[in-house]
PDB file of all heavy atoms in Angstrom:
ATOM      1  N   THR A   1      89.613 273.995  60.291  1.00  0.00           N
ATOM      2  CA  THR A   1      88.525 274.504  61.176  1.00  0.00           C
ATOM      3  C   THR A   1      88.318 273.653  62.338  1.00  0.00           C
ATOM      4  O   THR A   1      88.739 272.409  62.379  1.00  0.00           O
ATOM      5  CB  THR A   1      87.173 274.637  60.398  1.00  0.00           C
ATOM      6  OG1 THR A   1      86.695 273.288  60.079  1.00  0.00           O
ATOM      7  CG2 THR A   1      87.355 275.407  59.109  1.00  0.00           C
ATOM      8  N   VAL A   2      87.555 274.161  63.367  1.00  0.00           N
ATOM      9  CA  VAL A   2      87.274 273.361  64.515  1.00  0.00           C
ATOM     10  C   VAL A   2      86.380 272.205  64.132  1.00  0.00           C
ATOM     11  O   VAL A   2      86.450 271.133  64.741  1.00  0.00           O
ATOM     12  CB  VAL A   2      86.642 274.228  65.621  1.00  0.00           C
ATOM     13  CG1 VAL A   2      87.610 275.310  66.116  1.00  0.00           C
ATOM     14  CG2 VAL A   2      85.374 274.917  65.192  1.00  0.00           C
ATOM     15  N   ASP A   3      85.541 272.381  63.177  1.00  0.00           N
ATOM     16  CA  ASP A   3      84.660 271.284  62.710  1.00  0.00           C
ATOM     17  C   ASP A   3      85.515 270.123  62.166  1.00  0.00           C
ATOM     18  O   ASP A   3      85.137 269.000  62.385  1.00  0.00           O
ATOM     19  CB  ASP A   3      83.659 271.785  61.686  1.00  0.00           C
ATOM     20  CG  ASP A   3      82.544 272.572  62.261  1.00  0.00           C
ATOM     21  OD1 ASP A   3      82.277 272.472  63.457  1.00  0.00           O
ATOM     22  OD2 ASP A   3      81.870 273.303  61.532  1.00  0.00           O
ATOM     23  N   ASP A   4      86.554 270.461  61.501  1.00  0.00           N
ATOM     24  CA  ASP A   4      87.429 269.401  61.016  1.00  0.00           C
ATOM     25  C   ASP A   4      88.089 268.653  62.129  1.00  0.00           C
ATOM     26  O   ASP A   4      88.149 267.412  62.051  1.00  0.00           O
ATOM     27  CB  ASP A   4      88.568 270.036  60.149  1.00  0.00           C
ATOM     28  CG  ASP A   4      88.084 270.630  58.790  1.00  0.00           C
ATOM     29  OD1 ASP A   4      87.076 270.071  58.264  1.00  0.00           O
ATOM     30  OD2 ASP A   4      88.673 271.596  58.382  1.00  0.00           O
ATOM     31  N   MET A   5      88.524 269.341  63.178  1.00  0.00           N
ATOM     32  CA  MET A   5      89.148 268.674  64.272  1.00  0.00           C
ATOM     33  C   MET A   5      88.190 267.783  65.010  1.00  0.00           C
ATOM     34  O   MET A   5      88.477 266.662  65.366  1.00  0.00           O
ATOM     35  CB  MET A   5      89.712 269.769  65.262  1.00  0.00           C
ATOM     36  CG  MET A   5      90.779 270.639  64.600  1.00  0.00           C
ATOM     37  SD  MET A   5      92.254 269.860  63.892  1.00  0.00           S
ATOM     38  CE  MET A   5      91.786 269.807  62.123  1.00  0.00           C
ATOM     39  N   HIS A   6      86.929 268.275  65.187  1.00  0.00           N
ATOM     40  CA  HIS A   6      85.930 267.490  65.884  1.00  0.00           C
ATOM     41  C   HIS A   6      85.566 266.230  65.066  1.00  0.00           C
ATOM     42  O   HIS A   6      85.368 265.164  65.664  1.00  0.00           O
ATOM     43  CB  HIS A   6      84.660 268.305  66.138  1.00  0.00           C
ATOM     44  CG  HIS A   6      84.859 269.455  67.107  1.00  0.00           C
ATOM     45  ND1 HIS A   6      83.939 270.490  67.240  1.00  0.00           N
ATOM     46  CD2 HIS A   6      85.861 269.695  67.985  1.00  0.00           C
ATOM     47  CE1 HIS A   6      84.361 271.304  68.164  1.00  0.00           C
ATOM     48  NE2 HIS A   6      85.487 270.908  68.584  1.00  0.00           N
ATOM     49  N   ALA A   7      85.502 266.370  63.724  1.00  0.00           N
ATOM     50  CA  ALA A   7      85.187 265.215  62.969  1.00  0.00           C
ATOM     51  C   ALA A   7      86.253 264.138  63.035  1.00  0.00           C
ATOM     52  O   ALA A   7      86.038 262.977  63.084  1.00  0.00           O
ATOM     53  CB  ALA A   7      85.037 265.681  61.465  1.00  0.00           C
ATOM     54  N   ALA A   8      87.551 264.616  63.016  1.00  0.00           N
ATOM     55  CA  ALA A   8      88.682 263.602  63.055  1.00  0.00           C
ATOM     56  C   ALA A   8      88.693 262.957  64.436  1.00  0.00           C
ATOM     57  O   ALA A   8      88.825 261.737  64.509  1.00  0.00           O
ATOM     58  CB  ALA A   8      89.980 264.383  62.858  1.00  0.00           C
ATOM     59  N   VAL A   9      88.511 263.727  65.513  1.00  0.00           N
ATOM     60  CA  VAL A   9      88.521 263.136  66.864  1.00  0.00           C
ATOM     61  C   VAL A   9      87.301 262.158  66.987  1.00  0.00           C
ATOM     62  O   VAL A   9      87.502 261.076  67.502  1.00  0.00           O
ATOM     63  CB  VAL A   9      88.441 264.226  67.924  1.00  0.00           C
ATOM     64  CG1 VAL A   9      88.150 263.662  69.302  1.00  0.00           C
ATOM     65  CG2 VAL A   9      89.775 265.098  67.915  1.00  0.00           C
ATOM     66  N   GLY A  10      86.186 262.554  66.438  1.00  0.00           N
ATOM     67  CA  GLY A  10      85.038 261.684  66.517  1.00  0.00           C
ATOM     68  C   GLY A  10      85.222 260.357  65.767  1.00  0.00           C
ATOM     69  O   GLY A  10      84.603 259.347  66.097  1.00  0.00           O
ATOM     70  N   ALA A  11      85.995 260.433  64.743  1.00  0.00           N
ATOM     71  CA  ALA A  11      86.287 259.198  63.907  1.00  0.00           C
ATOM     72  C   ALA A  11      87.384 258.374  64.546  1.00  0.00           C
ATOM     73  O   ALA A  11      87.691 257.269  64.121  1.00  0.00           O
ATOM     74  CB  ALA A  11      86.693 259.598  62.484  1.00  0.00           C
ATOM     75  N   GLY A  12      88.008 258.889  65.615  1.00  0.00           N
ATOM     76  CA  GLY A  12      89.043 258.138  66.334  1.00  0.00           C
ATOM     77  C   GLY A  12      90.394 258.137  65.610  1.00  0.00           C
ATOM     78  O   GLY A  12      91.206 257.217  65.795  1.00  0.00           O
ATOM     79  N   ILE A  13      90.647 259.136  64.793  1.00  0.00           N
ATOM     80  CA  ILE A  13      91.899 259.200  64.006  1.00  0.00           C
ATOM     81  C   ILE A  13      92.643 260.516  64.471  1.00  0.00           C
ATOM     82  O   ILE A  13      92.204 261.305  65.261  1.00  0.00           O
ATOM     83  CB  ILE A  13      91.641 259.209  62.517  1.00  0.00           C
ATOM     84  CG1 ILE A  13      90.949 260.451  62.050  1.00  0.00           C
ATOM     85  CG2 ILE A  13      90.883 257.994  62.052  1.00  0.00           C
ATOM     86  CD1 ILE A  13      90.825 260.596  60.565  1.00  0.00           C
ATOM     87  N   ILE A  14      93.821 260.655  63.972  1.00  0.00           N
ATOM     88  CA  ILE A  14      94.677 261.793  64.228  1.00  0.00           C
ATOM     89  C   ILE A  14      94.138 263.129  63.600  1.00  0.00           C
ATOM     90  O   ILE A  14      93.912 263.081  62.391  1.00  0.00           O
ATOM     91  CB  ILE A  14      96.132 261.564  63.850  1.00  0.00           C
ATOM     92  CG1 ILE A  14      96.708 260.295  64.453  1.00  0.00           C
ATOM     93  CG2 ILE A  14      97.031 262.734  64.082  1.00  0.00           C
ATOM     94  CD1 ILE A  14      97.901 259.714  63.824  1.00  0.00           C
ATOM     95  N   ALA A  15      93.995 264.136  64.322  1.00  0.00           N
ATOM     96  CA  ALA A  15      93.616 265.418  63.869  1.00  0.00           C
ATOM     97  C   ALA A  15      94.784 266.344  63.685  1.00  0.00           C
ATOM     98  O   ALA A  15      95.518 266.525  64.634  1.00  0.00           O
ATOM     99  CB  ALA A  15      92.595 266.098  64.835  1.00  0.00           C
ATOM    100  N   ILE A  16      95.022 266.783  62.432  1.00  0.00           N
ATOM    101  CA  ILE A  16      96.131 267.731  62.159  1.00  0.00           C
ATOM    102  C   ILE A  16      95.563 269.013  61.703  1.00  0.00           C
ATOM    103  O   ILE A  16      94.799 269.111  60.744  1.00  0.00           O
ATOM    104  CB  ILE A  16      97.093 267.151  61.124  1.00  0.00           C
ATOM    105  CG1 ILE A  16      97.715 265.854  61.571  1.00  0.00           C
ATOM    106  CG2 ILE A  16      98.158 268.156  60.772  1.00  0.00           C
ATOM    107  CD1 ILE A  16      98.628 265.198  60.577  1.00  0.00           C
ATOM    108  N   GLY A  17      95.790 270.096  62.451  1.00  0.00           N
ATOM    109  CA  GLY A  17      95.359 271.412  62.056  1.00  0.00           C
ATOM    110  C   GLY A  17      96.264 272.064  60.995  1.00  0.00           C
ATOM    111  O   GLY A  17      97.484 271.808  60.962  1.00  0.00           O
ATOM    112  N   PHE A  18      95.627 272.832  60.150  1.00  0.00           N
ATOM    113  CA  PHE A  18      96.370 273.510  59.057  1.00  0.00           C
ATOM    114  C   PHE A  18      95.920 274.932  59.049  1.00  0.00           C
ATOM    115  O   PHE A  18      94.773 275.264  59.045  1.00  0.00           O
ATOM    116  CB  PHE A  18      96.019 272.840  57.726  1.00  0.00           C
ATOM    117  CG  PHE A  18      96.942 273.332  56.544  1.00  0.00           C
ATOM    118  CD1 PHE A  18      98.105 272.663  56.224  1.00  0.00           C
ATOM    119  CD2 PHE A  18      96.629 274.510  55.848  1.00  0.00           C
ATOM    120  CE1 PHE A  18      99.006 273.119  55.202  1.00  0.00           C
ATOM    121  CE2 PHE A  18      97.442 274.931  54.849  1.00  0.00           C
ATOM    122  CZ  PHE A  18      98.583 274.229  54.498  1.00  0.00           C
ATOM    123  N   VAL A  19      96.935 275.878  59.082  1.00  0.00           N
ATOM    124  CA  VAL A  19      96.661 277.309  59.041  1.00  0.00           C
ATOM    125  C   VAL A  19      97.002 277.827  57.667  1.00  0.00           C
ATOM    126  O   VAL A  19      98.174 277.876  57.342  1.00  0.00           O
ATOM    127  CB  VAL A  19      97.356 278.052  60.124  1.00  0.00           C
ATOM    128  CG1 VAL A  19      96.973 279.515  60.057  1.00  0.00           C
ATOM    129  CG2 VAL A  19      97.036 277.485  61.477  1.00  0.00           C
ATOM    130  N   PRO A  20      95.997 278.199  56.852  1.00  0.00           N
ATOM    131  CA  PRO A  20      96.336 278.759  55.535  1.00  0.00           C
ATOM    132  C   PRO A  20      96.946 280.207  55.637  1.00  0.00           C
ATOM    133  O   PRO A  20      96.816 280.828  56.717  1.00  0.00           O
ATOM    134  CB  PRO A  20      94.984 278.856  54.821  1.00  0.00           C
ATOM    135  CG  PRO A  20      93.970 278.909  55.932  1.00  0.00           C
ATOM    136  CD  PRO A  20      94.560 278.132  57.053  1.00  0.00           C
ATOM    137  N   PRO A  21      97.672 280.647  54.655  1.00  0.00           N
ATOM    138  CA  PRO A  21      98.373 281.908  54.764  1.00  0.00           C
ATOM    139  C   PRO A  21      97.542 283.108  55.044  1.00  0.00           C
ATOM    140  O   PRO A  21      98.082 284.162  55.406  1.00  0.00           O
ATOM    141  CB  PRO A  21      99.172 281.994  53.443  1.00  0.00           C
ATOM    142  CG  PRO A  21      98.408 281.134  52.452  1.00  0.00           C
ATOM    143  CD  PRO A  21      97.881 280.048  53.300  1.00  0.00           C
ATOM    144  N   TYR A  22      96.229 283.061  54.737  1.00  0.00           N
ATOM    145  CA  TYR A  22      95.404 284.230  54.909  1.00  0.00           C
ATOM    146  C   TYR A  22      94.789 284.325  56.352  1.00  0.00           C
ATOM    147  O   TYR A  22      93.995 285.243  56.575  1.00  0.00           O
ATOM    148  CB  TYR A  22      94.322 284.338  53.832  1.00  0.00           C
ATOM    149  CG  TYR A  22      93.572 283.023  53.586  1.00  0.00           C
ATOM    150  CD1 TYR A  22      92.461 282.663  54.432  1.00  0.00           C
ATOM    151  CD2 TYR A  22      93.918 282.154  52.633  1.00  0.00           C
ATOM    152  CE1 TYR A  22      91.738 281.551  54.184  1.00  0.00           C
ATOM    153  CE2 TYR A  22      93.252 280.972  52.455  1.00  0.00           C
ATOM    154  CZ  TYR A  22      92.138 280.675  53.238  1.00  0.00           C
ATOM    155  OH  TYR A  22      91.472 279.451  53.038  1.00  0.00           O
ATOM    156  N   LEU A  23      95.123 283.467  57.256  1.00  0.00           N
ATOM    157  CA  LEU A  23      94.619 283.530  58.589  1.00  0.00           C
ATOM    158  C   LEU A  23      95.786 283.808  59.539  1.00  0.00           C
ATOM    159  O   LEU A  23      96.961 283.528  59.305  1.00  0.00           O
ATOM    160  CB  LEU A  23      93.910 282.235  58.985  1.00  0.00           C
ATOM    161  CG  LEU A  23      92.639 281.901  58.223  1.00  0.00           C
ATOM    162  CD1 LEU A  23      92.041 280.625  58.757  1.00  0.00           C
ATOM    163  CD2 LEU A  23      91.650 283.075  58.250  1.00  0.00           C
ATOM    164  N   GLU A  24      95.437 284.273  60.745  1.00  0.00           N
ATOM    165  CA  GLU A  24      96.482 284.667  61.753  1.00  0.00           C
ATOM    166  C   GLU A  24      96.944 283.420  62.438  1.00  0.00           C
ATOM    167  O   GLU A  24      96.180 282.719  63.024  1.00  0.00           O
ATOM    168  CB  GLU A  24      95.861 285.634  62.743  1.00  0.00           C
ATOM    169  CG  GLU A  24      96.835 286.416  63.517  1.00  0.00           C
ATOM    170  CD  GLU A  24      97.439 285.668  64.631  1.00  0.00           C
ATOM    171  OE1 GLU A  24      96.646 285.110  65.477  1.00  0.00           O
ATOM    172  OE2 GLU A  24      98.713 285.553  64.732  1.00  0.00           O
ATOM    173  N   ALA A  25      98.268 283.130  62.281  1.00  0.00           N
ATOM    174  CA  ALA A  25      98.771 281.758  62.652  1.00  0.00           C
ATOM    175  C   ALA A  25      98.634 281.457  64.094  1.00  0.00           C
ATOM    176  O   ALA A  25      98.185 280.444  64.528  1.00  0.00           O
ATOM    177  CB  ALA A  25     100.233 281.642  62.201  1.00  0.00           C
ATOM    178  N   ASP A  26      99.041 282.417  64.975  1.00  0.00           N
ATOM    179  CA  ASP A  26      99.110 282.105  66.386  1.00  0.00           C
ATOM    180  C   ASP A  26      97.691 281.878  66.969  1.00  0.00           C
ATOM    181  O   ASP A  26      97.443 280.882  67.718  1.00  0.00           O
ATOM    182  CB  ASP A  26      99.739 283.283  67.168  1.00  0.00           C
ATOM    183  CG  ASP A  26     101.224 283.381  66.939  1.00  0.00           C
ATOM    184  OD1 ASP A  26     101.785 282.350  66.430  1.00  0.00           O
ATOM    185  OD2 ASP A  26     101.815 284.415  67.264  1.00  0.00           O
ATOM    186  N   ARG A  27      96.757 282.699  66.568  1.00  0.00           N
ATOM    187  CA  ARG A  27      95.345 282.519  67.051  1.00  0.00           C
ATOM    188  C   ARG A  27      94.783 281.262  66.545  1.00  0.00           C
ATOM    189  O   ARG A  27      94.133 280.502  67.349  1.00  0.00           O
ATOM    190  CB  ARG A  27      94.547 283.724  66.590  1.00  0.00           C
ATOM    191  CG  ARG A  27      93.038 283.593  67.049  1.00  0.00           C
ATOM    192  CD  ARG A  27      92.255 284.737  66.512  1.00  0.00           C
ATOM    193  NE  ARG A  27      90.854 284.615  66.989  1.00  0.00           N
ATOM    194  CZ  ARG A  27      89.825 285.387  66.500  1.00  0.00           C
ATOM    195  NH1 ARG A  27      90.083 286.260  65.502  1.00  0.00           N
ATOM    196  NH2 ARG A  27      88.642 285.190  66.950  1.00  0.00           N
ATOM    197  N   GLN A  28      94.925 280.883  65.279  1.00  0.00           N
ATOM    198  CA  GLN A  28      94.324 279.678  64.767  1.00  0.00           C
ATOM    199  C   GLN A  28      95.042 278.456  65.356  1.00  0.00           C
ATOM    200  O   GLN A  28      94.326 277.422  65.566  1.00  0.00           O
ATOM    201  CB  GLN A  28      94.385 279.661  63.197  1.00  0.00           C
ATOM    202  CG  GLN A  28      93.533 280.702  62.589  1.00  0.00           C
ATOM    203  CD  GLN A  28      92.088 280.665  62.989  1.00  0.00           C
ATOM    204  OE1 GLN A  28      91.472 281.559  63.561  1.00  0.00           O
ATOM    205  NE2 GLN A  28      91.481 279.497  62.694  1.00  0.00           N
ATOM    206  N   THR A  29      96.289 278.520  65.530  1.00  0.00           N
ATOM    207  CA  THR A  29      96.988 277.387  66.113  1.00  0.00           C
ATOM    208  C   THR A  29      96.455 277.080  67.494  1.00  0.00           C
ATOM    209  O   THR A  29      96.156 275.942  67.841  1.00  0.00           O
ATOM    210  CB  THR A  29      98.534 277.668  66.219  1.00  0.00           C
ATOM    211  OG1 THR A  29      99.007 277.843  64.861  1.00  0.00           O
ATOM    212  CG2 THR A  29      99.235 276.556  66.967  1.00  0.00           C
ATOM    213  N   GLU A  30      96.335 278.060  68.336  1.00  0.00           N
ATOM    214  CA  GLU A  30      95.793 277.892  69.671  1.00  0.00           C
ATOM    215  C   GLU A  30      94.357 277.345  69.627  1.00  0.00           C
ATOM    216  O   GLU A  30      94.043 276.441  70.374  1.00  0.00           O
ATOM    217  CB  GLU A  30      95.787 279.184  70.449  1.00  0.00           C
ATOM    218  CG  GLU A  30      95.304 279.071  71.881  1.00  0.00           C
ATOM    219  CD  GLU A  30      95.368 280.420  72.597  1.00  0.00           C
ATOM    220  OE1 GLU A  30      95.790 281.465  71.997  1.00  0.00           O
ATOM    221  OE2 GLU A  30      95.019 280.490  73.803  1.00  0.00           O
ATOM    222  N   LEU A  31      93.602 277.858  68.710  1.00  0.00           N
ATOM    223  CA  LEU A  31      92.158 277.376  68.624  1.00  0.00           C
ATOM    224  C   LEU A  31      92.094 275.912  68.194  1.00  0.00           C
ATOM    225  O   LEU A  31      91.373 275.148  68.824  1.00  0.00           O
ATOM    226  CB  LEU A  31      91.451 278.265  67.545  1.00  0.00           C
ATOM    227  CG  LEU A  31      90.041 277.892  67.304  1.00  0.00           C
ATOM    228  CD1 LEU A  31      89.082 278.379  68.363  1.00  0.00           C
ATOM    229  CD2 LEU A  31      89.599 278.501  65.933  1.00  0.00           C
ATOM    230  N   LEU A  32      92.846 275.538  67.198  1.00  0.00           N
ATOM    231  CA  LEU A  32      92.813 274.152  66.691  1.00  0.00           C
ATOM    232  C   LEU A  32      93.334 273.208  67.723  1.00  0.00           C
ATOM    233  O   LEU A  32      92.788 272.112  67.911  1.00  0.00           O
ATOM    234  CB  LEU A  32      93.511 274.113  65.390  1.00  0.00           C
ATOM    235  CG  LEU A  32      92.937 274.882  64.174  1.00  0.00           C
ATOM    236  CD1 LEU A  32      93.816 274.763  62.965  1.00  0.00           C
ATOM    237  CD2 LEU A  32      91.531 274.459  63.881  1.00  0.00           C
ATOM    238  N   LEU A  33      94.422 273.529  68.431  1.00  0.00           N
ATOM    239  CA  LEU A  33      94.887 272.694  69.438  1.00  0.00           C
ATOM    240  C   LEU A  33      93.901 272.561  70.587  1.00  0.00           C
ATOM    241  O   LEU A  33      93.766 271.419  71.142  1.00  0.00           O
ATOM    242  CB  LEU A  33      96.200 273.270  70.026  1.00  0.00           C
ATOM    243  CG  LEU A  33      97.428 273.178  69.156  1.00  0.00           C
ATOM    244  CD1 LEU A  33      98.564 274.031  69.790  1.00  0.00           C
ATOM    245  CD2 LEU A  33      97.901 271.802  68.874  1.00  0.00           C
ATOM    246  N   GLY A  34      93.155 273.555  70.845  1.00  0.00           N
ATOM    247  CA  GLY A  34      92.126 273.483  71.907  1.00  0.00           C
ATOM    248  C   GLY A  34      90.944 272.674  71.479  1.00  0.00           C
ATOM    249  O   GLY A  34      90.109 272.323  72.373  1.00  0.00           O
ATOM    250  N   HIS A  35      90.797 272.324  70.224  1.00  0.00           N
ATOM    251  CA  HIS A  35      89.680 271.518  69.734  1.00  0.00           C
ATOM    252  C   HIS A  35      90.072 270.138  69.188  1.00  0.00           C
ATOM    253  O   HIS A  35      89.393 269.564  68.429  1.00  0.00           O
ATOM    254  CB  HIS A  35      88.887 272.282  68.716  1.00  0.00           C
ATOM    255  CG  HIS A  35      88.019 273.456  69.204  1.00  0.00           C
ATOM    256  ND1 HIS A  35      86.732 273.288  69.587  1.00  0.00           N
ATOM    257  CD2 HIS A  35      88.338 274.719  69.473  1.00  0.00           C
ATOM    258  CE1 HIS A  35      86.244 274.403  70.037  1.00  0.00           C
ATOM    259  NE2 HIS A  35      87.187 275.253  70.017  1.00  0.00           N
ATOM    260  N   GLY A  36      91.252 269.703  69.720  1.00  0.00           N
ATOM    261  CA  GLY A  36      91.548 268.286  69.450  1.00  0.00           C
ATOM    262  C   GLY A  36      92.725 268.043  68.494  1.00  0.00           C
ATOM    263  O   GLY A  36      93.125 266.871  68.289  1.00  0.00           O
ATOM    264  N   ALA A  37      93.329 269.077  67.905  1.00  0.00           N
ATOM    265  CA  ALA A  37      94.424 268.859  66.959  1.00  0.00           C
ATOM    266  C   ALA A  37      95.686 268.320  67.752  1.00  0.00           C
ATOM    267  O   ALA A  37      95.941 268.824  68.798  1.00  0.00           O
ATOM    268  CB  ALA A  37      94.835 270.132  66.250  1.00  0.00           C
ATOM    269  N   GLU A  38      96.290 267.324  67.239  1.00  0.00           N
ATOM    270  CA  GLU A  38      97.492 266.831  67.897  1.00  0.00           C
ATOM    271  C   GLU A  38      98.743 267.709  67.483  1.00  0.00           C
ATOM    272  O   GLU A  38      99.666 267.721  68.270  1.00  0.00           O
ATOM    273  CB  GLU A  38      97.732 265.379  67.428  1.00  0.00           C
ATOM    274  CG  GLU A  38      96.684 264.416  67.955  1.00  0.00           C
ATOM    275  CD  GLU A  38      97.084 263.019  67.997  1.00  0.00           C
ATOM    276  OE1 GLU A  38      98.277 262.650  67.907  1.00  0.00           O
ATOM    277  OE2 GLU A  38      96.153 262.083  68.079  1.00  0.00           O
ATOM    278  N   CYS A  39      98.638 268.344  66.393  1.00  0.00           N
ATOM    279  CA  CYS A  39      99.655 269.313  66.031  1.00  0.00           C
ATOM    280  C   CYS A  39      99.009 270.272  64.986  1.00  0.00           C
ATOM    281  O   CYS A  39      97.974 269.965  64.384  1.00  0.00           O
ATOM    282  CB  CYS A  39     100.873 268.641  65.445  1.00  0.00           C
ATOM    283  SG  CYS A  39     100.591 267.740  63.893  1.00  0.00           S
ATOM    284  N   VAL A  40      99.615 271.388  64.779  1.00  0.00           N
ATOM    285  CA  VAL A  40      99.117 272.365  63.813  1.00  0.00           C
ATOM    286  C   VAL A  40     100.292 272.741  62.873  1.00  0.00           C
ATOM    287  O   VAL A  40     101.356 273.102  63.371  1.00  0.00           O
ATOM    288  CB  VAL A  40      98.558 273.597  64.462  1.00  0.00           C
ATOM    289  CG1 VAL A  40      98.063 274.615  63.469  1.00  0.00           C
ATOM    290  CG2 VAL A  40      97.369 273.239  65.354  1.00  0.00           C
ATOM    291  N   ILE A  41     100.024 272.785  61.563  1.00  0.00           N
ATOM    292  CA  ILE A  41     101.087 273.037  60.579  1.00  0.00           C
ATOM    293  C   ILE A  41     100.626 274.169  59.659  1.00  0.00           C
ATOM    294  O   ILE A  41      99.424 274.492  59.647  1.00  0.00           O
ATOM    295  CB  ILE A  41     101.437 271.803  59.803  1.00  0.00           C
ATOM    296  CG1 ILE A  41     100.236 271.266  59.000  1.00  0.00           C
ATOM    297  CG2 ILE A  41     102.115 270.727  60.683  1.00  0.00           C
ATOM    298  CD1 ILE A  41     100.535 270.128  58.097  1.00  0.00           C
ATOM    299  N   SER A  42     101.524 274.732  58.889  1.00  0.00           N
ATOM    300  CA  SER A  42     101.139 275.758  57.965  1.00  0.00           C
ATOM    301  C   SER A  42     101.829 275.477  56.595  1.00  0.00           C
ATOM    302  O   SER A  42     101.845 276.437  55.745  1.00  0.00           O
ATOM    303  CB  SER A  42     101.454 277.079  58.476  1.00  0.00           C
ATOM    304  OG  SER A  42     102.810 277.233  58.822  1.00  0.00           O
ATOM    305  N   SER A  43     102.449 274.338  56.445  1.00  0.00           N
ATOM    306  CA  SER A  43     103.146 274.045  55.169  1.00  0.00           C
ATOM    307  C   SER A  43     103.127 272.561  54.866  1.00  0.00           C
ATOM    308  O   SER A  43     103.005 271.786  55.808  1.00  0.00           O
ATOM    309  CB  SER A  43     104.573 274.524  55.223  1.00  0.00           C
ATOM    310  OG  SER A  43     105.391 273.686  56.051  1.00  0.00           O
TER     311      SER A  43
END
């Protein structure tokens, strides 16, 4: 979630986004990258 990314960035550590299989990958990837994720994975 975006809250996860904000928490990681706020802690000064690496934010990695994860898209679970029940969410739309492209949309969530773009969203998480836009909120601080350094990369987004799904596995």
